[in-house]
Amino acid sequence: MAFASSFRRLLTVSGTLHSQFASIRFNSTLTSPKLFVSGLSRLTTDEKFKEAFSPYGQLVEAKIVTDRATGRSKGFGFVTYMTIEEAEKAREGMNAKYLDGWVIFVDPAKPRQPRPPPQSEPESSETGFRTNKTVGWCG
């Protein structure tokens, strides 16, 4: 009996911690009408994606990110609304909801970070070997 009561107490404590973390995650304010949606099924299409988010406001763009080589979904996408208020409504309405059998998460989109310039090919030495900085010598 003591085990059951301590187990019940553990569950209620972890439940309150979970709700506190969920509220912290959700309390960040939107500064842009663009949302990042993660947890998408690989079978979700752009049309289903637009259809799911269109009731919350006028969509500017709804796009699922796909792999260039295979054309398959990478499991996340972006939704852009006309106003921040519409984006906030969509975030409240769609966060932690099911879409095509998968739970999706809606968060504010972060600005894209600039990529570093491509590195040039390492030059060969006079012996014909080139230096691989991570491993050592290779031929």
C-alpha atoms as a PDB file:
ATOM      1  CA  MET A   1       0.000   0.000   0.000  1.00  0.00           C
ATOM      2  CA  ALA A   2       2.860   2.381   0.821  1.00  0.00           C
ATOM      3  CA  PHE A   3       4.333   1.667  -2.603  1.00  0.00           C
ATOM      4  CA  ALA A   4       1.083   2.615  -4.336  1.00  0.00           C
ATOM      5  CA  SER A   5       0.787   5.916  -2.447  1.00  0.00           C
ATOM      6  CA  SER A   6       4.408   6.873  -3.164  1.00  0.00           C
ATOM      7  CA  PHE A   7       3.920   5.939  -6.826  1.00  0.00           C
ATOM      8  CA  ARG A   8       0.747   8.096  -6.986  1.00  0.00           C
ATOM      9  CA  ARG A   9       2.624  11.011  -5.367  1.00  0.00           C
ATOM     10  CA  LEU A  10       5.430  10.638  -7.924  1.00  0.00           C
ATOM     11  CA  LEU A  11       2.924  10.749 -10.780  1.00  0.00           C
ATOM     12  CA  THR A  12       1.217  13.900  -9.508  1.00  0.00           C
ATOM     13  CA  VAL A  13       4.544  15.686  -8.982  1.00  0.00           C
ATOM     14  CA  SER A  14       5.814  14.782 -12.468  1.00  0.00           C
ATOM     15  CA  GLY A  15       2.471  15.866 -13.938  1.00  0.00           C
ATOM     16  CA  THR A  16       2.800  19.329 -12.417  1.00  0.00           C
ATOM     17  CA  LEU A  17       6.384  19.590 -13.641  1.00  0.00           C
ATOM     18  CA  HIS A  18       5.269  18.634 -17.141  1.00  0.00           C
ATOM     19  CA  SER A  19       2.538  21.275 -17.145  1.00  0.00           C
ATOM     20  CA  GLN A  20       5.025  23.894 -15.903  1.00  0.00           C
ATOM     21  CA  PHE A  21       7.452  23.058 -18.719  1.00  0.00           C
ATOM     22  CA  ALA A  22       4.641  23.107 -21.271  1.00  0.00           C
ATOM     23  CA  SER A  23       3.569  26.569 -20.112  1.00  0.00           C
ATOM     24  CA  ILE A  24       7.166  27.833 -20.271  1.00  0.00           C
ATOM     25  CA  ARG A  25       7.502  26.540 -23.819  1.00  0.00           C
ATOM     26  CA  PHE A  26       4.217  28.116 -24.849  1.00  0.00           C
ATOM     27  CA  ASN A  27       4.727  31.503 -23.147  1.00  0.00           C
ATOM     28  CA  SER A  28       7.251  32.829 -25.663  1.00  0.00           C
ATOM     29  CA  THR A  29       5.623  35.634 -27.632  1.00  0.00           C
ATOM     30  CA  LEU A  30       5.476  35.780 -31.377  1.00  0.00           C
ATOM     31  CA  THR A  31       7.425  38.495 -33.147  1.00  0.00           C
ATOM     32  CA  SER A  32       6.706  37.235 -36.660  1.00  0.00           C
ATOM     33  CA  PRO A  33       3.656  35.699 -38.366  1.00  0.00           C
ATOM     34  CA  LYS A  34       5.784  32.692 -39.379  1.00  0.00           C
ATOM     35  CA  LEU A  35       5.437  29.408 -37.466  1.00  0.00           C
ATOM     36  CA  PHE A  36       7.634  26.303 -37.360  1.00  0.00           C
ATOM     37  CA  VAL A  37       5.668  23.033 -37.291  1.00  0.00           C
ATOM     38  CA  SER A  38       7.470  19.841 -36.249  1.00  0.00           C
ATOM     39  CA  GLY A  39       6.414  16.240 -35.801  1.00  0.00           C
ATOM     40  CA  LEU A  40       4.704  15.934 -39.183  1.00  0.00           C
ATOM     41  CA  SER A  41       3.991  12.549 -40.676  1.00  0.00           C
ATOM     42  CA  ARG A  42       6.026  11.687 -43.746  1.00  0.00           C
ATOM     43  CA  LEU A  43       2.696  11.137 -45.520  1.00  0.00           C
ATOM     44  CA  THR A  44       1.345  14.651 -44.866  1.00  0.00           C
ATOM     45  CA  THR A  45       1.022  16.603 -48.110  1.00  0.00           C
ATOM     46  CA  ASP A  46       1.176  20.358 -48.674  1.00  0.00           C
ATOM     47  CA  GLU A  47      -2.585  20.337 -49.365  1.00  0.00           C
ATOM     48  CA  LYS A  48      -3.443  18.593 -46.068  1.00  0.00           C
ATOM     49  CA  PHE A  49      -1.057  20.949 -44.283  1.00  0.00           C
ATOM     50  CA  LYS A  50      -2.745  24.053 -45.734  1.00  0.00           C
ATOM     51  CA  GLU A  51      -6.185  22.627 -45.026  1.00  0.00           C
ATOM     52  CA  ALA A  52      -5.334  22.013 -41.363  1.00  0.00           C
ATOM     53  CA  PHE A  53      -4.013  25.547 -40.757  1.00  0.00           C
ATOM     54  CA  SER A  54      -6.393  27.590 -42.941  1.00  0.00           C
ATOM     55  CA  PRO A  55      -9.257  27.878 -40.358  1.00  0.00           C
ATOM     56  CA  TYR A  56      -7.088  30.128 -38.166  1.00  0.00           C
ATOM     57  CA  GLY A  57      -6.577  32.958 -40.646  1.00  0.00           C
ATOM     58  CA  GLN A  58      -5.439  33.978 -44.092  1.00  0.00           C
ATOM     59  CA  LEU A  59      -2.397  31.938 -45.103  1.00  0.00           C
ATOM     60  CA  VAL A  60       0.438  33.550 -47.005  1.00  0.00           C
ATOM     61  CA  GLU A  61       2.365  30.288 -47.304  1.00  0.00           C
ATOM     62  CA  ALA A  62       2.247  26.758 -45.924  1.00  0.00           C
ATOM     63  CA  LYS A  63       5.156  24.587 -46.983  1.00  0.00           C
ATOM     64  CA  ILE A  64       6.474  21.198 -45.890  1.00  0.00           C
ATOM     65  CA  VAL A  65      10.254  20.883 -46.197  1.00  0.00           C
ATOM     66  CA  THR A  66      11.274  17.959 -48.403  1.00  0.00           C
ATOM     67  CA  ASP A  67      14.525  16.141 -49.071  1.00  0.00           C
ATOM     68  CA  ARG A  68      16.016  17.209 -52.416  1.00  0.00           C
ATOM     69  CA  ALA A  69      17.255  13.746 -53.357  1.00  0.00           C
ATOM     70  CA  THR A  70      14.208  11.639 -52.449  1.00  0.00           C
ATOM     71  CA  GLY A  71      11.391  14.203 -52.476  1.00  0.00           C
ATOM     72  CA  ARG A  72      10.108  12.832 -49.142  1.00  0.00           C
ATOM     73  CA  SER A  73       9.012  15.042 -46.272  1.00  0.00           C
ATOM     74  CA  LYS A  74      11.620  15.790 -43.606  1.00  0.00           C
ATOM     75  CA  GLY A  75       8.879  15.880 -40.946  1.00  0.00           C
ATOM     76  CA  PHE A  76       8.644  19.635 -40.456  1.00  0.00           C
ATOM     77  CA  GLY A  77       7.320  22.693 -42.233  1.00  0.00           C
ATOM     78  CA  PHE A  78       6.545  26.392 -42.015  1.00  0.00           C
ATOM     79  CA  VAL A  79       3.266  28.316 -41.984  1.00  0.00           C
ATOM     80  CA  THR A  80       3.066  32.065 -42.584  1.00  0.00           C
ATOM     81  CA  TYR A  81      -0.047  34.144 -41.831  1.00  0.00           C
ATOM     82  CA  MET A  82      -0.975  37.724 -42.733  1.00  0.00           C
ATOM     83  CA  THR A  83      -0.891  38.922 -39.098  1.00  0.00           C
ATOM     84  CA  ILE A  84       0.769  37.930 -35.848  1.00  0.00           C
ATOM     85  CA  GLU A  85      -2.665  37.577 -34.204  1.00  0.00           C
ATOM     86  CA  GLU A  86      -3.693  34.909 -36.735  1.00  0.00           C
ATOM     87  CA  ALA A  87      -0.415  33.089 -36.165  1.00  0.00           C
ATOM     88  CA  GLU A  88      -1.000  33.185 -32.395  1.00  0.00           C
ATOM     89  CA  LYS A  89      -4.488  31.697 -32.853  1.00  0.00           C
ATOM     90  CA  ALA A  90      -3.073  28.933 -35.033  1.00  0.00           C
ATOM     91  CA  ARG A  91      -0.347  28.217 -32.511  1.00  0.00           C
ATOM     92  CA  GLU A  92      -2.876  27.928 -29.689  1.00  0.00           C
ATOM     93  CA  GLY A  93      -5.256  25.826 -31.787  1.00  0.00           C
ATOM     94  CA  MET A  94      -2.811  23.409 -33.408  1.00  0.00           C
ATOM     95  CA  ASN A  95      -0.018  22.916 -30.862  1.00  0.00           C
ATOM     96  CA  ALA A  96       0.081  19.317 -29.555  1.00  0.00           C
ATOM     97  CA  LYS A  97      -2.770  18.239 -31.858  1.00  0.00           C
ATOM     98  CA  TYR A  98      -2.968  15.232 -34.170  1.00  0.00           C
ATOM     99  CA  LEU A  99      -2.406  15.631 -37.907  1.00  0.00           C
ATOM    100  CA  ASP A 100      -2.409  12.447 -39.998  1.00  0.00           C
ATOM    101  CA  GLY A 101      -2.044  10.367 -36.820  1.00  0.00           C
ATOM    102  CA  TRP A 102       1.027  12.209 -35.512  1.00  0.00           C
ATOM    103  CA  VAL A 103       1.220  14.801 -32.741  1.00  0.00           C
ATOM    104  CA  ILE A 104       2.503  18.079 -34.155  1.00  0.00           C
ATOM    105  CA  PHE A 105       4.165  20.947 -32.308  1.00  0.00           C
ATOM    106  CA  VAL A 106       3.827  24.570 -33.360  1.00  0.00           C
ATOM    107  CA  ASP A 107       6.516  27.057 -32.321  1.00  0.00           C
ATOM    108  CA  PRO A 108       7.639  30.500 -33.486  1.00  0.00           C
ATOM    109  CA  ALA A 109       9.980  30.279 -36.461  1.00  0.00           C
ATOM    110  CA  LYS A 110      13.519  31.474 -35.838  1.00  0.00           C
ATOM    111  CA  PRO A 111      15.339  33.574 -38.444  1.00  0.00           C
ATOM    112  CA  ARG A 112      17.538  31.572 -40.760  1.00  0.00           C
ATOM    113  CA  GLN A 113      21.217  31.636 -39.805  1.00  0.00           C
ATOM    114  CA  PRO A 114      23.690  32.513 -42.583  1.00  0.00           C
ATOM    115  CA  ARG A 115      25.734  29.579 -43.811  1.00  0.00           C
ATOM    116  CA  PRO A 116      29.527  29.686 -43.685  1.00  0.00           C
ATOM    117  CA  PRO A 117      31.227  30.014 -47.097  1.00  0.00           C
ATOM    118  CA  PRO A 118      32.196  26.711 -48.736  1.00  0.00           C
ATOM    119  CA  GLN A 119      35.712  25.523 -47.981  1.00  0.00           C
ATOM    120  CA  SER A 120      38.159  25.112 -50.836  1.00  0.00           C
ATOM    121  CA  GLU A 121      39.689  21.748 -51.622  1.00  0.00           C
ATOM    122  CA  PRO A 122      42.918  21.188 -49.615  1.00  0.00           C
ATOM    123  CA  GLU A 123      46.042  21.455 -51.723  1.00  0.00           C
ATOM    124  CA  SER A 124      48.344  18.480 -52.233  1.00  0.00           C
ATOM    125  CA  SER A 125      51.862  18.569 -50.897  1.00  0.00           C
ATOM    126  CA  GLU A 126      54.942  17.931 -53.056  1.00  0.00           C
ATOM    127  CA  THR A 127      54.730  14.204 -52.214  1.00  0.00           C
ATOM    128  CA  GLY A 128      51.212  13.899 -53.599  1.00  0.00           C
ATOM    129  CA  PHE A 129      49.567  13.463 -50.212  1.00  0.00           C
ATOM    130  CA  ARG A 130      47.093  15.887 -48.729  1.00  0.00           C
ATOM    131  CA  THR A 131      46.521  16.630 -45.087  1.00  0.00           C
ATOM    132  CA  ASN A 132      43.211  15.594 -43.520  1.00  0.00           C
ATOM    133  CA  LYS A 133      42.946  17.716 -40.373  1.00  0.00           C
ATOM    134  CA  THR A 134      40.585  15.358 -38.567  1.00  0.00           C
ATOM    135  CA  VAL A 135      42.416  12.068 -39.113  1.00  0.00           C
ATOM    136  CA  GLY A 136      45.978  12.689 -40.262  1.00  0.00           C
ATOM    137  CA  TRP A 137      47.492  11.760 -43.600  1.00  0.00           C
ATOM    138  CA  CYS A 138      45.548  10.251 -46.449  1.00  0.00           C
ATOM    139  CA  GLY A 139      46.530   9.484 -49.991  1.00  0.00           C
END
